[in-house]
């Protein structure tokens, strides 16, 4: 039998003892689940499609939940690649055993090992070892990979299968990779498989990139960075950097790959490009987890070209914010500019662009535009207007106080009110907080809850109040007491931090006893230590 015939037509030998239950019998396959949650015409999945069938099995005993693709995204961007030689050796041994004797029991052994050892964290050395292993039958390896991809109800075997299946460079598998890749948990692996197996990798990756918005888009766009396809380059510059995690991850990649400087150097620049350029520049200035503006070799000419267009074109509040971010960058302390001058900036250029920013931002029409948008019902439009109002020195207290009274269950509204609160306002705010935050529902006893997600909105509201109470000695006794008895660790820490910021003479009567009781029943050692230090009047560690 020829290799190709065996590869596509051969069947595994089901001889041998089969265990009574197989690990892939636990529910619907991942592939079946993903297919059932694809919404045609929209990227990604339906709202309930991101929680995979194996979520409870995977996170049993843990309250922490990672967003789809977040764990692999964090490990690939912020941690080194895995090099567990023992895990690699064990994986190869199990795959080799299945290749030699393709029984259900041997397949199950590989399956369970892939989950237990989190093999995808060391997938590169595993694949390298498998490729160098002469004793593995390629037809059996293909059968194993495709079975995991199409039948597994657990994510780790699916990822492992995708990684292996991509090695066979079969264009017929493109639809399979495009479908699974719509879920951010699998996009990284599908992107690599598509790059290996597609006749036109750039086109295949571009299709996938437009099908995801989270970590998946980050992974795919990074693999499109060397494209020479003009349509892809245009898309990278105008849309590709946008993702639901952080624009900062892709700003530099898309500025380079899309040719931002060349695009802004054109005489006629469309509004779509100007908006995207402003977002990219703002993300570069924010920096953070990826390359920032000081890593971008075209920073000076790009900023220069952008402001040149904005001098006559700035008209939206978003563009006001983009120009303001440039102004803040130019206004940074001189100590941060020494390296920038060595990289091509000059003091004359910096001063000239700073003056240009002042001219754009100082136009009188901005105040009217911002005030109008502060009445917007849209949360994003309001947030942009609020940021612009702060830059313009417009007092927004009354607006935030009104919005909080309209929706006191929104944690974000508590944040804005407390951040703007002062001694004249704190009394009314505390009265409103005690009447509208479910303190009895919060004070159910200490625990180790993270306080994230649905059902913890009151705890998040309390958080934003407690973190500002350190500025208001003597206020919020009931709120602090509720925080000390909250199952959410963050609430208890915030309550202790507020008390630690006050002198002991400023503690209202009964709070010392409340803190003593809390310390006696506190289940977490570090929190108890903070409570006891506060009772002794010792400063807390930062």
Protein backbone atom coordinates (compact mmCIF):
# COMPACT_ATOMS: atom_id res chain seq x y z
CA UNK A 1 0.00 0.00 0.00
CA UNK A 2 1.45 3.40 -1.00
CA UNK A 3 2.14 6.14 1.54
CA UNK A 4 -0.62 8.44 0.20
CA UNK A 5 -3.16 5.62 0.16
CA UNK A 6 -2.28 4.68 3.69
CA UNK A 7 -2.27 8.35 4.71
CA UNK A 8 -5.81 9.04 3.55
CA UNK A 9 -7.39 5.62 3.40
CA UNK A 10 -5.77 3.53 6.13
CA UNK A 11 -7.68 2.73 9.32
CA UNK A 12 -6.30 2.26 12.78
CA UNK A 13 -6.15 -1.21 14.18
CA UNK A 14 -8.69 -1.35 16.98
CA UNK A 15 -7.29 -4.55 18.34
CA UNK A 16 -6.19 -4.86 21.93
CA UNK A 17 -8.02 -4.23 25.16
CA UNK A 18 -10.25 -1.18 25.03
CA UNK A 19 -10.92 0.65 28.29
CA UNK A 20 -14.60 0.75 29.32
CA UNK A 21 -14.80 4.52 28.76
CA UNK A 22 -12.75 6.80 26.57
CA UNK A 23 -11.79 10.38 27.50
CA UNK A 24 -13.34 11.62 24.25
CA UNK A 25 -16.75 10.24 25.26
CA UNK A 26 -17.37 13.07 27.76
CA UNK A 27 -19.45 15.31 25.55
CA UNK A 28 -19.68 17.06 22.20
CA UNK A 29 -16.46 17.49 20.31
CA UNK A 30 -14.85 20.92 20.34
CA UNK A 31 -15.26 21.07 16.55
CA UNK A 32 -18.97 20.31 16.79
CA UNK A 33 -19.36 22.96 19.51
CA UNK A 34 -17.49 25.63 17.55
CA UNK A 35 -19.47 24.93 14.37
CA UNK A 36 -22.72 25.32 16.28
CA UNK A 37 -21.72 28.75 17.61
CA UNK A 38 -20.46 30.39 14.43
CA UNK A 39 -22.53 33.43 13.44
CA UNK A 40 -22.34 33.96 9.71
CA UNK A 41 -21.34 37.46 8.68
CA UNK A 42 -19.82 38.25 12.07
CA UNK A 43 -16.30 37.56 13.36
CA UNK A 44 -15.62 35.20 16.20
CA UNK A 45 -18.34 33.23 17.97
CA UNK A 46 -21.78 33.85 19.39
CA UNK A 47 -21.72 35.23 22.95
CA UNK A 48 -22.14 31.82 24.55
CA UNK A 49 -19.68 30.17 22.20
CA UNK A 50 -16.51 31.28 23.95
CA UNK A 51 -17.05 29.08 27.01
CA UNK A 52 -15.85 25.71 25.74
CA UNK A 53 -17.39 22.38 26.86
CA UNK A 54 -14.30 21.46 28.87
CA UNK A 55 -14.28 24.68 30.93
CA UNK A 56 -15.40 23.06 34.19
CA UNK A 57 -13.10 20.06 33.76
CA UNK A 58 -10.15 22.30 32.95
CA UNK A 59 -10.67 24.73 35.82
CA UNK A 60 -11.92 22.34 38.47
CA UNK A 61 -11.08 23.78 41.87
CA UNK A 62 -9.95 27.14 40.46
CA UNK A 63 -11.89 30.38 40.47
CA UNK A 64 -9.62 32.00 37.89
CA UNK A 65 -10.90 31.93 34.33
CA UNK A 66 -8.77 32.98 31.38
CA UNK A 67 -10.38 34.65 28.39
CA UNK A 68 -10.28 32.64 25.17
CA UNK A 69 -6.69 32.43 23.94
CA UNK A 70 -5.40 34.58 26.79
CA UNK A 71 -3.21 31.92 28.45
CA UNK A 72 -1.44 31.03 25.21
CA UNK A 73 -1.21 34.74 24.37
CA UNK A 74 0.41 35.63 27.66
CA UNK A 75 2.82 32.69 27.54
CA UNK A 76 3.93 33.43 23.96
CA UNK A 77 4.31 37.19 24.53
CA UNK A 78 5.60 37.39 28.09
CA UNK A 79 7.17 34.03 28.95
CA UNK A 80 9.89 31.88 27.46
CA UNK A 81 9.13 28.78 25.45
CA UNK A 82 8.80 25.55 27.37
CA UNK A 83 11.82 23.23 27.40
CA UNK A 84 10.66 20.36 29.66
CA UNK A 85 12.82 17.57 28.24
CA UNK A 86 11.12 14.85 30.29
CA UNK A 87 7.66 15.92 29.06
CA UNK A 88 8.93 16.01 25.47
CA UNK A 89 10.44 12.53 25.80
CA UNK A 90 7.26 11.12 27.37
CA UNK A 91 5.09 12.62 24.63
CA UNK A 92 7.21 11.14 21.86
CA UNK A 93 7.24 7.74 23.58
CA UNK A 94 3.44 7.67 23.82
CA UNK A 95 2.94 8.79 20.22
CA UNK A 96 5.48 6.22 19.08
CA UNK A 97 3.66 3.50 21.03
CA UNK A 98 0.39 4.43 19.34
CA UNK A 99 2.09 4.49 15.95
CA UNK A 100 3.34 0.94 16.48
CA UNK A 101 0.12 -0.36 18.00
CA UNK A 102 -2.82 1.97 17.24
CA UNK A 103 -5.21 0.72 19.90
CA UNK A 104 -7.85 2.74 21.68
CA UNK A 105 -5.90 2.29 24.92
CA UNK A 106 -2.72 3.76 23.41
CA UNK A 107 -4.68 6.61 21.86
CA UNK A 108 -6.25 7.34 25.25
CA UNK A 109 -2.79 7.35 26.85
CA UNK A 110 -1.63 10.05 24.44
CA UNK A 111 -4.86 11.99 24.96
CA UNK A 112 -4.61 12.04 28.75
CA UNK A 113 -0.91 12.90 28.67
CA UNK A 114 -1.48 15.85 26.34
CA UNK A 115 -3.97 17.26 28.85
CA UNK A 116 -2.03 16.47 32.03
CA UNK A 117 1.35 17.70 30.78
CA UNK A 118 -0.08 20.75 28.95
CA UNK A 119 1.92 19.61 25.93
CA UNK A 120 0.96 22.67 23.87
CA UNK A 121 3.30 24.72 26.06
CA UNK A 122 6.20 22.69 24.66
CA UNK A 123 4.73 22.03 21.23
CA UNK A 124 7.76 23.22 19.24
CA UNK A 125 10.31 20.81 20.78
CA UNK A 126 7.70 18.02 20.68
CA UNK A 127 7.14 18.51 16.94
CA UNK A 128 10.88 18.71 16.31
CA UNK A 129 11.40 15.46 18.19
CA UNK A 130 8.57 13.75 16.31
CA UNK A 131 9.94 14.87 12.96
CA UNK A 132 13.33 13.41 13.88
CA UNK A 133 11.84 10.12 15.08
CA UNK A 134 12.27 7.58 12.28
CA UNK A 135 10.12 4.95 13.95
CA UNK A 136 6.82 6.86 13.71
CA UNK A 137 4.44 5.90 10.89
CA UNK A 138 3.22 9.02 9.18
CA UNK A 139 -0.16 7.53 8.37
CA UNK A 140 -0.76 6.71 12.02
CA UNK A 141 0.39 10.16 13.09
CA UNK A 142 -2.02 11.72 10.61
CA UNK A 143 -4.90 9.57 11.85
CA UNK A 144 -4.14 10.49 15.46
CA UNK A 145 -3.91 14.21 14.69
CA UNK A 146 -7.13 14.32 12.70
CA UNK A 147 -9.00 12.32 15.32
CA UNK A 148 -7.94 14.76 18.04
CA UNK A 149 -8.95 17.76 15.90
CA UNK A 150 -12.35 16.43 14.91
CA UNK A 151 -13.44 14.31 17.87
CA UNK A 152 -11.80 15.61 21.06
CA UNK A 153 -14.06 17.35 23.62
CA UNK A 154 -11.00 18.86 25.36
CA UNK A 155 -9.06 21.84 24.06
CA UNK A 156 -5.50 20.62 24.64
CA UNK A 157 -5.77 17.54 22.39
CA UNK A 158 -7.44 19.73 19.73
CA UNK A 159 -4.50 22.14 19.80
CA UNK A 160 -2.04 19.28 19.71
CA UNK A 161 -3.88 17.76 16.78
CA UNK A 162 -3.96 21.04 14.85
CA UNK A 163 -0.21 21.48 15.32
CA UNK A 164 0.45 17.98 14.00
CA UNK A 165 -2.10 18.14 11.19
CA UNK A 166 -0.54 21.32 9.83
CA UNK A 167 2.70 19.44 9.23
CA UNK A 168 1.06 17.34 6.52
CA UNK A 169 0.53 20.44 4.34
CA UNK A 170 -2.86 19.35 3.02
CA UNK A 171 -4.85 22.28 1.51
CA UNK A 172 -7.99 20.18 1.96
CA UNK A 173 -7.79 20.87 5.70
CA UNK A 174 -8.12 24.65 5.20
CA UNK A 175 -11.84 24.76 6.03
CA UNK A 176 -11.18 22.80 9.22
CA UNK A 177 -8.52 25.29 10.34
CA UNK A 178 -10.62 28.30 9.34
CA UNK A 179 -13.57 27.00 11.36
CA UNK A 180 -11.69 26.16 14.57
CA UNK A 181 -9.59 29.28 14.18
CA UNK A 182 -12.66 31.48 14.67
CA UNK A 183 -12.42 30.62 18.37
CA UNK A 184 -9.53 32.59 19.89
CA UNK A 185 -8.48 29.57 21.93
CA UNK A 186 -7.38 27.82 18.73
CA UNK A 187 -6.46 30.68 16.38
CA UNK A 188 -2.73 30.59 17.08
CA UNK A 189 -2.47 26.90 16.21
CA UNK A 190 -4.71 27.22 13.16
CA UNK A 191 -2.68 30.19 11.91
CA UNK A 192 0.51 28.15 12.01
CA UNK A 193 -1.23 25.21 10.34
CA UNK A 194 -2.65 27.45 7.59
CA UNK A 195 0.75 29.03 6.96
CA UNK A 196 2.17 25.53 6.50
CA UNK A 197 -0.59 24.03 4.39
CA UNK A 198 -2.20 26.75 2.26
CA UNK A 199 -1.38 27.42 -1.39
CA UNK A 200 -1.65 31.16 -0.59
CA UNK A 201 -0.72 31.56 3.09
CA UNK A 202 -1.20 35.34 3.20
CA UNK A 203 -4.71 35.10 1.80
CA UNK A 204 -5.62 32.26 4.18
CA UNK A 205 -4.25 34.15 7.19
CA UNK A 206 -6.04 37.32 6.13
CA UNK A 207 -9.36 35.46 6.01
CA UNK A 208 -8.68 34.10 9.49
CA UNK A 209 -7.58 37.48 10.85
CA UNK A 210 -10.87 39.03 9.84
CA UNK A 211 -12.73 36.19 11.58
CA UNK A 212 -11.40 36.99 15.07
CA UNK A 213 -11.09 40.06 17.27
CA UNK A 214 -9.30 38.95 20.46
CA UNK A 215 -6.02 37.17 21.09
CA UNK A 216 -6.60 35.32 17.85
CA UNK A 217 -6.28 38.49 15.79
CA UNK A 218 -3.04 39.35 17.58
CA UNK A 219 -1.55 35.97 16.72
CA UNK A 220 -2.62 36.06 13.06
CA UNK A 221 -1.65 39.67 12.35
CA UNK A 222 1.83 39.03 13.75
CA UNK A 223 2.16 36.27 11.14
CA UNK A 224 1.07 38.66 8.38
CA UNK A 225 3.80 41.16 9.19
CA UNK A 226 5.95 40.16 6.19
CA UNK A 227 3.15 40.22 3.62
CA UNK A 228 3.70 41.89 0.28
CA UNK A 229 0.03 41.74 -0.66
CA UNK A 230 -1.10 45.39 -1.16
CA UNK A 231 -4.67 44.66 -0.07
CA UNK A 232 -3.49 42.98 3.13
CA UNK A 233 -1.07 45.83 3.88
CA UNK A 234 -3.88 48.35 3.44
CA UNK A 235 -6.11 46.35 5.79
CA UNK A 236 -3.37 46.05 8.41
CA UNK A 237 -3.02 49.82 8.50
CA UNK A 238 -6.72 50.65 8.59
CA UNK A 239 -8.18 47.78 10.58
CA UNK A 240 -5.76 44.97 11.41
CA UNK A 241 -4.34 46.52 14.59
CA UNK A 242 -7.77 46.76 16.20
CA UNK A 243 -8.44 43.97 18.68
CA UNK A 244 -10.43 43.47 21.85
CA UNK A 245 -7.36 42.90 24.08
CA UNK A 246 -5.10 45.94 23.60
CA UNK A 247 -4.29 47.91 20.45
CA UNK A 248 -0.77 48.24 21.86
CA UNK A 249 0.02 44.62 20.97
CA UNK A 250 -0.28 45.30 17.23
CA UNK A 251 0.33 49.03 16.78
CA UNK A 252 4.03 48.79 15.88
CA UNK A 253 3.54 45.64 13.82
CA UNK A 254 0.85 47.22 11.65
CA UNK A 255 2.62 50.58 11.40
CA UNK A 256 5.62 48.81 9.90
CA UNK A 257 3.87 46.14 7.86
CA UNK A 258 1.26 48.51 6.51
CA UNK A 259 3.73 51.28 5.69
CA UNK A 260 2.28 54.02 7.89
CA UNK A 261 4.91 56.62 7.02
CA UNK A 262 4.47 56.14 3.27
CA UNK A 263 0.69 56.29 3.59
CA UNK A 264 0.77 59.52 5.61
CA UNK A 265 3.26 61.04 3.17
CA UNK A 266 0.65 61.05 0.41
CA UNK A 267 -0.89 64.42 -0.43
CA UNK A 268 -4.44 63.08 -0.28
CA UNK A 269 -5.06 61.02 2.85
CA UNK A 270 -8.57 59.67 3.45
CA UNK A 271 -10.43 60.04 6.72
CA UNK A 272 -10.32 56.28 7.40
CA UNK A 273 -6.53 56.33 7.34
CA UNK A 274 -6.31 59.45 9.52
CA UNK A 275 -8.52 57.86 12.15
CA UNK A 276 -6.52 54.64 12.10
CA UNK A 277 -3.19 56.51 12.17
CA UNK A 278 -4.31 58.43 15.25
CA UNK A 279 -5.29 55.21 17.01
CA UNK A 280 -1.96 53.58 16.12
CA UNK A 281 0.07 56.58 17.31
CA UNK A 282 -1.93 56.77 20.54
CA UNK A 283 -1.34 53.06 21.17
CA UNK A 284 2.38 53.43 20.45
CA UNK A 285 2.60 56.29 22.94
CA UNK A 286 0.73 54.25 25.56
CA UNK A 287 3.26 51.44 25.07
CA UNK A 288 3.04 48.77 27.70
CA UNK A 289 3.13 45.09 26.86
CA UNK A 290 4.59 45.43 23.36
CA UNK A 291 6.78 47.81 21.37
CA UNK A 292 6.10 51.47 22.01
CA UNK A 293 6.78 54.67 20.16
CA UNK A 294 10.42 54.78 21.23
CA UNK A 295 10.90 51.38 19.58
CA UNK A 296 9.37 52.56 16.31
CA UNK A 297 12.06 53.81 13.96
CA UNK A 298 9.71 56.12 12.02
CA UNK A 299 8.26 57.79 15.11
CA UNK A 300 9.39 61.35 14.38
CA UNK A 301 8.40 61.56 10.68
CA UNK A 302 5.10 59.75 11.32
CA UNK A 303 4.12 62.11 14.14
CA UNK A 304 5.20 65.05 12.01
CA UNK A 305 3.16 63.90 9.03
CA UNK A 306 0.12 63.09 11.15
CA UNK A 307 0.05 66.48 12.86
CA UNK A 308 0.51 68.13 9.48
CA UNK A 309 -2.74 66.54 8.34
CA UNK A 310 -4.50 67.25 11.65
CA UNK A 311 -3.68 70.96 11.37
CA UNK A 312 -6.39 71.27 8.74
CA UNK A 313 -8.42 68.10 9.29
CA UNK A 314 -8.97 67.55 13.03
CA UNK A 315 -12.71 67.55 13.64
CA UNK A 316 -13.76 64.66 15.88
CA UNK A 317 -13.36 64.24 19.62
CA UNK A 318 -11.37 61.08 18.95
CA UNK A 319 -8.93 63.12 16.87
CA UNK A 320 -8.72 65.66 19.68
CA UNK A 321 -7.69 62.81 21.98
CA UNK A 322 -5.13 61.49 19.50
CA UNK A 323 -3.51 64.91 19.18
CA UNK A 324 -3.64 65.34 22.96
CA UNK A 325 -1.78 62.04 23.43
CA UNK A 326 0.96 63.36 21.12
CA UNK A 327 1.07 66.58 23.15
CA UNK A 328 1.48 64.60 26.38
CA UNK A 329 4.30 62.63 24.77
CA UNK A 330 6.06 65.80 23.64
CA UNK A 331 5.59 67.30 27.12
CA UNK A 332 7.24 64.40 28.92
CA UNK A 333 10.17 65.23 31.19
CA UNK A 334 13.40 66.18 29.43
CA UNK A 335 15.16 63.23 31.07
CA UNK A 336 13.16 60.92 28.81
CA UNK A 337 14.14 62.82 25.70
CA UNK A 338 17.90 62.27 25.69
CA UNK A 339 17.57 58.93 23.93
CA UNK A 340 14.94 60.31 21.58
CA UNK A 341 17.26 63.06 20.40
CA UNK A 342 19.82 60.38 19.60
CA UNK A 343 17.15 58.50 17.62
CA UNK A 344 16.41 61.37 15.25
CA UNK A 345 14.33 63.86 17.17
CA UNK A 346 15.57 67.43 17.62
CA UNK A 347 14.67 70.04 20.20
CA UNK A 348 13.52 72.35 17.40
CA UNK A 349 11.20 69.69 15.96
CA UNK A 350 9.82 68.86 19.39
CA UNK A 351 9.04 72.51 20.17
CA UNK A 352 7.50 73.12 16.76
CA UNK A 353 5.21 70.10 17.04
CA UNK A 354 4.29 71.01 20.60
CA UNK A 355 3.18 74.44 19.39
CA UNK A 356 1.21 72.82 16.59
CA UNK A 357 -0.57 70.56 19.11
CA UNK A 358 -1.41 73.60 21.25
CA UNK A 359 -2.86 75.33 18.21
CA UNK A 360 -5.05 72.36 17.28
CA UNK A 361 -6.19 71.65 20.84
CA UNK A 362 -6.81 75.32 21.61
CA UNK A 363 -9.52 75.85 19.03
CA UNK A 364 -12.68 77.25 20.68
CA UNK A 365 -15.07 74.83 18.97
CA UNK A 366 -13.79 71.87 20.98
CA UNK A 367 -15.57 72.95 24.17
CA UNK A 368 -18.96 72.97 22.47
CA UNK A 369 -18.37 69.60 20.81
CA UNK A 370 -17.28 68.02 24.08
CA UNK A 371 -20.20 69.42 26.06
CA UNK A 372 -22.61 68.10 23.45
CA UNK A 373 -21.10 64.61 23.59
CA UNK A 374 -21.16 64.57 27.39
CA UNK A 375 -24.91 64.12 27.00
CA UNK A 376 -24.47 61.05 24.81
CA UNK A 377 -26.27 57.84 25.72
CA UNK A 378 -23.51 55.78 24.10
CA UNK A 379 -20.95 54.65 26.65
CA UNK A 380 -17.96 54.90 24.30
CA UNK A 381 -18.91 58.35 22.99
CA UNK A 382 -19.41 59.55 26.55
CA UNK A 383 -16.07 58.08 27.68
CA UNK A 384 -14.23 59.89 24.87
CA UNK A 385 -16.00 63.14 25.68
CA UNK A 386 -15.16 62.72 29.36
CA UNK A 387 -11.47 62.24 28.56
CA UNK A 388 -11.50 65.32 26.35
CA UNK A 389 -13.30 67.30 29.05
CA UNK A 390 -10.54 66.47 31.50
CA UNK A 391 -7.91 67.68 29.02
CA UNK A 392 -9.87 70.91 28.51
CA UNK A 393 -10.39 71.46 32.24
CA UNK A 394 -14.18 71.10 32.07
CA UNK A 395 -15.72 70.14 35.43
CA UNK A 396 -17.83 67.01 34.93
CA UNK A 397 -18.80 66.27 38.54
CA UNK A 398 -22.50 67.07 38.10
CA UNK A 399 -22.69 64.85 35.02
CA UNK A 400 -21.04 61.88 36.74
CA UNK A 401 -23.15 62.35 39.88
CA UNK A 402 -26.31 62.34 37.76
CA UNK A 403 -25.20 59.24 35.84
CA UNK A 404 -24.46 57.38 39.08
CA UNK A 405 -27.89 58.18 40.50
CA UNK A 406 -29.43 56.86 37.27
CA UNK A 407 -27.53 53.56 37.48
CA UNK A 408 -25.99 52.91 40.92
CA UNK A 409 -25.24 49.28 40.06
CA UNK A 410 -22.56 50.28 37.52
CA UNK A 411 -19.08 49.99 39.13
CA UNK A 412 -17.53 52.33 36.57
CA UNK A 413 -19.84 55.15 37.58
CA UNK A 414 -18.77 54.77 41.20
CA UNK A 415 -15.15 55.01 40.07
CA UNK A 416 -15.70 58.35 38.34
CA UNK A 417 -17.73 59.85 41.18
CA UNK A 418 -15.26 58.81 43.87
CA UNK A 419 -12.27 60.02 41.83
CA UNK A 420 -13.86 63.49 41.64
CA UNK A 421 -15.23 63.55 45.18
CA UNK A 422 -14.09 66.16 47.72
CA UNK A 423 -14.84 67.11 51.32
CA UNK A 424 -17.96 69.05 50.34
CA UNK A 425 -19.42 66.11 48.44
CA UNK A 426 -18.37 63.07 50.47
CA UNK A 427 -21.31 63.19 52.88
CA UNK A 428 -23.94 62.96 50.14
CA UNK A 429 -21.96 60.27 48.33
CA UNK A 430 -21.63 58.12 51.46
CA UNK A 431 -25.35 58.43 52.20
CA UNK A 432 -26.12 57.34 48.64
CA UNK A 433 -23.60 54.47 48.82
CA UNK A 434 -25.07 53.06 52.01
CA UNK A 435 -28.55 53.19 50.53
CA UNK A 436 -27.72 51.73 47.12
CA UNK A 437 -24.85 49.24 47.49
CA UNK A 438 -26.04 45.86 48.79
CA UNK A 439 -23.89 45.84 51.92
CA UNK A 440 -25.72 42.95 53.58
CA UNK A 441 -25.28 40.89 50.43
CA UNK A 442 -21.56 41.67 50.48
CA UNK A 443 -20.88 41.07 54.20
CA UNK A 444 -21.37 37.30 54.11
CA UNK A 445 -18.03 36.37 55.66
CA UNK A 446 -14.43 36.22 54.43
CA UNK A 447 -13.40 33.88 51.65
CA UNK A 448 -10.94 33.68 48.78
CA UNK A 449 -13.17 34.97 45.98
CA UNK A 450 -11.57 36.97 43.18
CA UNK A 451 -14.78 38.96 42.77
CA UNK A 452 -14.74 38.91 38.98
CA UNK A 453 -17.62 38.55 36.55
CA UNK A 454 -21.35 38.32 36.86
CA UNK A 455 -22.77 38.44 40.37
CA UNK A 456 -19.93 40.50 41.84
CA UNK A 457 -21.05 43.93 40.63
CA UNK A 458 -21.86 45.16 44.17
CA UNK A 459 -18.41 44.11 45.36
CA UNK A 460 -16.82 46.05 42.49
CA UNK A 461 -18.90 49.12 43.35
CA UNK A 462 -17.70 48.87 46.95
CA UNK A 463 -14.10 48.53 45.75
CA UNK A 464 -14.17 51.91 44.05
CA UNK A 465 -15.62 53.55 47.15
CA UNK A 466 -13.17 51.92 49.56
CA UNK A 467 -10.08 52.76 47.51
CA UNK A 468 -10.85 56.47 47.80
CA UNK A 469 -11.91 56.49 51.46
CA UNK A 470 -8.28 56.81 52.54
CA UNK A 471 -8.68 60.47 51.48
CA UNK A 472 -11.69 60.95 53.78
CA UNK A 473 -10.86 59.97 57.38
CA UNK A 474 -13.86 59.05 59.49
CA UNK A 475 -16.30 58.50 56.62
CA UNK A 476 -17.94 55.27 55.46
CA UNK A 477 -18.03 53.16 58.63
CA UNK A 478 -20.71 50.78 57.35
CA UNK A 479 -18.93 50.44 54.02
CA UNK A 480 -15.62 49.56 55.67
CA UNK A 481 -17.30 47.04 57.97
CA UNK A 482 -18.98 45.40 54.97
CA UNK A 483 -15.63 45.31 53.18
CA UNK A 484 -13.97 43.58 56.14
CA UNK A 485 -16.61 40.83 56.02
CA UNK A 486 -16.65 40.41 52.25
CA UNK A 487 -15.72 37.06 50.64
CA UNK A 488 -13.81 39.04 48.00
CA UNK A 489 -10.16 39.42 49.03
CA UNK A 490 -9.80 42.75 47.24
CA UNK A 491 -12.67 44.26 49.29
CA UNK A 492 -11.00 43.29 52.56
CA UNK A 493 -7.64 44.65 51.46
CA UNK A 494 -9.21 47.94 50.38
CA UNK A 495 -11.03 48.31 53.69
CA UNK A 496 -7.80 47.71 55.61
CA UNK A 497 -5.90 50.16 53.39
CA UNK A 498 -8.44 52.89 54.14
CA UNK A 499 -8.08 52.39 57.90
CA UNK A 500 -4.30 52.23 57.66
CA UNK A 501 -4.27 55.64 55.94
CA UNK A 502 -6.12 57.25 58.86
CA UNK A 503 -4.66 58.05 62.23
CA UNK A 504 -6.10 55.90 65.02
CA UNK A 505 -7.85 58.92 66.50
CA UNK A 506 -9.81 59.31 63.26
CA UNK A 507 -11.32 55.82 63.45
CA UNK A 508 -15.05 56.01 64.26
CA UNK A 509 -16.12 54.06 67.34
CA UNK A 510 -16.43 50.34 66.81
CA UNK A 511 -14.09 50.04 63.82
CA UNK A 512 -11.17 48.82 65.93
CA UNK A 513 -13.35 46.01 67.29
CA UNK A 514 -14.57 45.20 63.78
CA UNK A 515 -11.00 44.95 62.52
CA UNK A 516 -9.99 42.75 65.46
CA UNK A 517 -12.88 40.36 64.74
CA UNK A 518 -11.97 40.32 61.05
CA UNK A 519 -8.34 39.47 61.84
CA UNK A 520 -9.37 36.55 64.06
CA UNK A 521 -11.38 34.87 61.29
CA UNK A 522 -9.32 35.96 58.27
CA UNK A 523 -8.47 32.86 56.19
CA UNK A 524 -5.62 34.35 54.17
CA UNK A 525 -2.28 34.85 55.92
CA UNK A 526 -1.21 37.94 53.99
CA UNK A 527 -4.50 39.74 54.57
CA UNK A 528 -4.45 38.85 58.27
CA UNK A 529 -0.92 40.22 58.48
CA UNK A 530 -2.09 43.54 57.01
CA UNK A 531 -4.97 43.68 59.47
CA UNK A 532 -2.70 43.05 62.46
CA UNK A 533 -0.18 45.65 61.29
CA UNK A 534 -2.96 48.19 60.98
CA UNK A 535 -4.20 47.41 64.47
CA UNK A 536 -0.65 47.97 65.76
CA UNK A 537 -0.36 51.23 63.84
CA UNK A 538 2.43 49.94 61.60
CA UNK A 539 2.66 51.09 57.96
CA UNK A 540 1.58 48.67 55.27
CA UNK A 541 3.96 47.58 52.56
CA UNK A 542 3.31 49.24 49.19
